[in-house]
Amino acid sequence: MKAGKPLPRDGAGHSGRPDRAVLPSLVTAKLAVYETMRTHGWSKVKLAKELGMSENSVRRLLDLHHSSQMWIIDEALAKMNTELSVDLPKVQPSGRAA
């Protein structure tokens, strides 16, 4: 993100098998905002203007070490006409009642 480059996707590994990273949900959501901004050609300044906040607030929103609120991420994605998709893991039933 710091270099402004696209995020690696499936098949980016060189070992012959797809690499996979398990990330915290907040980090994943922030990366979704970053990728959506890149896809739409939006700058931090444009997103800040659309959200009615300072550019520094958008910088914090994209900071993977800053504890942002999910509602702001949802709002940022909505301004870019997209939403965060969450897929629940497929769990094999254990045979026990919950």
C-alpha atoms as a PDB file:
ATOM      1  CA  MET A   1       0.000   0.000   0.000  1.00  0.00           C
ATOM      2  CA  LYS A   2       2.801   2.425   0.837  1.00  0.00           C
ATOM      3  CA  ALA A   3       4.192   2.071  -2.693  1.00  0.00           C
ATOM      4  CA  GLY A   4       0.733   2.538  -4.223  1.00  0.00           C
ATOM      5  CA  LYS A   5       0.947  -0.799  -6.014  1.00  0.00           C
ATOM      6  CA  PRO A   6      -1.813  -3.373  -6.517  1.00  0.00           C
ATOM      7  CA  LEU A   7      -2.163  -6.064  -3.883  1.00  0.00           C
ATOM      8  CA  PRO A   8      -0.933  -9.558  -4.788  1.00  0.00           C
ATOM      9  CA  ARG A   9      -3.621 -11.985  -5.909  1.00  0.00           C
ATOM     10  CA  ASP A  10      -3.952 -15.766  -6.247  1.00  0.00           C
ATOM     11  CA  GLY A  11      -1.127 -17.293  -8.207  1.00  0.00           C
ATOM     12  CA  ALA A  12       1.335 -14.596  -7.172  1.00  0.00           C
ATOM     13  CA  GLY A  13       3.521 -17.136  -5.360  1.00  0.00           C
ATOM     14  CA  HIS A  14       6.507 -18.744  -7.016  1.00  0.00           C
ATOM     15  CA  SER A  15       6.399 -22.110  -5.252  1.00  0.00           C
ATOM     16  CA  GLY A  16       3.913 -23.693  -7.641  1.00  0.00           C
ATOM     17  CA  ARG A  17       1.108 -23.554  -5.096  1.00  0.00           C
ATOM     18  CA  PRO A  18      -1.183 -20.631  -4.356  1.00  0.00           C
ATOM     19  CA  ASP A  19       0.006 -18.570  -1.413  1.00  0.00           C
ATOM     20  CA  ARG A  20      -2.561 -17.653   1.205  1.00  0.00           C
ATOM     21  CA  ALA A  21      -2.434 -15.144   3.996  1.00  0.00           C
ATOM     22  CA  VAL A  22      -4.846 -15.095   6.885  1.00  0.00           C
ATOM     23  CA  LEU A  23      -5.317 -11.496   8.004  1.00  0.00           C
ATOM     24  CA  PRO A  24      -7.309  -9.841  10.772  1.00  0.00           C
ATOM     25  CA  SER A  25     -10.758  -8.759   9.573  1.00  0.00           C
ATOM     26  CA  LEU A  26     -10.039  -5.047  10.094  1.00  0.00           C
ATOM     27  CA  VAL A  27      -6.872  -5.291   7.975  1.00  0.00           C
ATOM     28  CA  THR A  28      -8.805  -7.117   5.263  1.00  0.00           C
ATOM     29  CA  ALA A  29     -11.479  -4.393   5.289  1.00  0.00           C
ATOM     30  CA  LYS A  30      -8.844  -1.643   5.025  1.00  0.00           C
ATOM     31  CA  LEU A  31      -7.230  -3.450   2.098  1.00  0.00           C
ATOM     32  CA  ALA A  32     -10.661  -3.577   0.431  1.00  0.00           C
ATOM     33  CA  VAL A  33     -10.927   0.219   0.734  1.00  0.00           C
ATOM     34  CA  TYR A  34      -7.427   0.616  -0.716  1.00  0.00           C
ATOM     35  CA  GLU A  35      -8.107  -1.716  -3.654  1.00  0.00           C
ATOM     36  CA  THR A  36     -11.451  -0.035  -4.377  1.00  0.00           C
ATOM     37  CA  MET A  37      -9.786   3.368  -4.351  1.00  0.00           C
ATOM     38  CA  ARG A  38      -7.172   2.114  -6.846  1.00  0.00           C
ATOM     39  CA  THR A  39      -9.807   0.527  -9.079  1.00  0.00           C
ATOM     40  CA  HIS A  40     -11.885   3.715  -9.153  1.00  0.00           C
ATOM     41  CA  GLY A  41      -8.876   6.014  -9.455  1.00  0.00           C
ATOM     42  CA  TRP A  42      -9.709   7.804  -6.197  1.00  0.00           C
ATOM     43  CA  SER A  43      -7.077   9.633  -4.180  1.00  0.00           C
ATOM     44  CA  LYS A  44      -7.076  10.031  -0.407  1.00  0.00           C
ATOM     45  CA  VAL A  45      -8.078  13.656  -0.966  1.00  0.00           C
ATOM     46  CA  LYS A  46     -11.120  12.648  -3.061  1.00  0.00           C
ATOM     47  CA  LEU A  47     -12.266  10.050  -0.518  1.00  0.00           C
ATOM     48  CA  ALA A  48     -11.797  12.544   2.309  1.00  0.00           C
ATOM     49  CA  LYS A  49     -13.935  15.084   0.458  1.00  0.00           C
ATOM     50  CA  GLU A  50     -16.664  12.519  -0.209  1.00  0.00           C
ATOM     51  CA  LEU A  51     -16.680  11.454   3.450  1.00  0.00           C
ATOM     52  CA  GLY A  52     -16.539  15.027   4.748  1.00  0.00           C
ATOM     53  CA  MET A  53     -13.372  14.400   6.727  1.00  0.00           C
ATOM     54  CA  SER A  54      -9.736  15.423   6.617  1.00  0.00           C
ATOM     55  CA  GLU A  55      -7.139  13.708   4.474  1.00  0.00           C
ATOM     56  CA  ASN A  56      -5.334  12.726   7.687  1.00  0.00           C
ATOM     57  CA  SER A  57      -8.458  10.814   8.746  1.00  0.00           C
ATOM     58  CA  VAL A  58      -8.369   8.864   5.480  1.00  0.00           C
ATOM     59  CA  ARG A  59      -4.651   8.192   5.994  1.00  0.00           C
ATOM     60  CA  ARG A  60      -5.508   6.711   9.408  1.00  0.00           C
ATOM     61  CA  LEU A  61      -8.330   4.720   7.815  1.00  0.00           C
ATOM     62  CA  LEU A  62      -5.771   3.096   5.503  1.00  0.00           C
ATOM     63  CA  ASP A  63      -3.152   2.657   8.251  1.00  0.00           C
ATOM     64  CA  LEU A  64      -3.063  -1.074   9.022  1.00  0.00           C
ATOM     65  CA  HIS A  65      -1.877  -0.346  12.568  1.00  0.00           C
ATOM     66  CA  HIS A  66      -4.638   2.167  13.384  1.00  0.00           C
ATOM     67  CA  SER A  67      -7.805   0.861  15.027  1.00  0.00           C
ATOM     68  CA  SER A  68     -10.491   2.267  12.711  1.00  0.00           C
ATOM     69  CA  GLN A  69     -14.231   1.859  13.133  1.00  0.00           C
ATOM     70  CA  MET A  70     -15.946  -0.543  10.725  1.00  0.00           C
ATOM     71  CA  TRP A  71     -18.792   1.911  10.063  1.00  0.00           C
ATOM     72  CA  ILE A  72     -16.283   4.328   8.509  1.00  0.00           C
ATOM     73  CA  ILE A  73     -14.959   1.580   6.260  1.00  0.00           C
ATOM     74  CA  ASP A  74     -18.528   0.701   5.254  1.00  0.00           C
ATOM     75  CA  GLU A  75     -19.215   4.377   4.529  1.00  0.00           C
ATOM     76  CA  ALA A  76     -16.039   4.725   2.448  1.00  0.00           C
ATOM     77  CA  LEU A  77     -16.928   1.673   0.370  1.00  0.00           C
ATOM     78  CA  ALA A  78     -20.515   2.891  -0.056  1.00  0.00           C
ATOM     79  CA  LYS A  79     -19.237   6.243  -1.397  1.00  0.00           C
ATOM     80  CA  MET A  80     -17.413   4.227  -4.067  1.00  0.00           C
ATOM     81  CA  ASN A  81     -20.576   2.200  -4.821  1.00  0.00           C
ATOM     82  CA  THR A  82     -19.286  -1.059  -3.411  1.00  0.00           C
ATOM     83  CA  GLU A  83     -19.607  -3.087  -0.235  1.00  0.00           C
ATOM     84  CA  LEU A  84     -17.506  -5.436   1.814  1.00  0.00           C
ATOM     85  CA  SER A  85     -18.248  -9.066   1.093  1.00  0.00           C
ATOM     86  CA  VAL A  86     -17.751 -11.545   3.912  1.00  0.00           C
ATOM     87  CA  ASP A  87     -17.743 -15.264   3.245  1.00  0.00           C
ATOM     88  CA  LEU A  88     -18.234 -17.493   6.250  1.00  0.00           C
ATOM     89  CA  PRO A  89     -16.032 -20.569   6.405  1.00  0.00           C
ATOM     90  CA  LYS A  90     -17.574 -23.903   5.501  1.00  0.00           C
ATOM     91  CA  VAL A  91     -17.559 -25.985   8.649  1.00  0.00           C
ATOM     92  CA  GLN A  92     -18.205 -29.686   8.689  1.00  0.00           C
ATOM     93  CA  PRO A  93     -20.989 -30.548  11.149  1.00  0.00           C
ATOM     94  CA  SER A  94     -19.689 -32.295  14.261  1.00  0.00           C
ATOM     95  CA  GLY A  95     -22.869 -34.244  14.840  1.00  0.00           C
ATOM     96  CA  ARG A  96     -23.565 -32.512  18.146  1.00  0.00           C
ATOM     97  CA  ALA A  97     -26.441 -30.141  18.814  1.00  0.00           C
ATOM     98  CA  ALA A  98     -25.543 -26.536  19.544  1.00  0.00           C
END
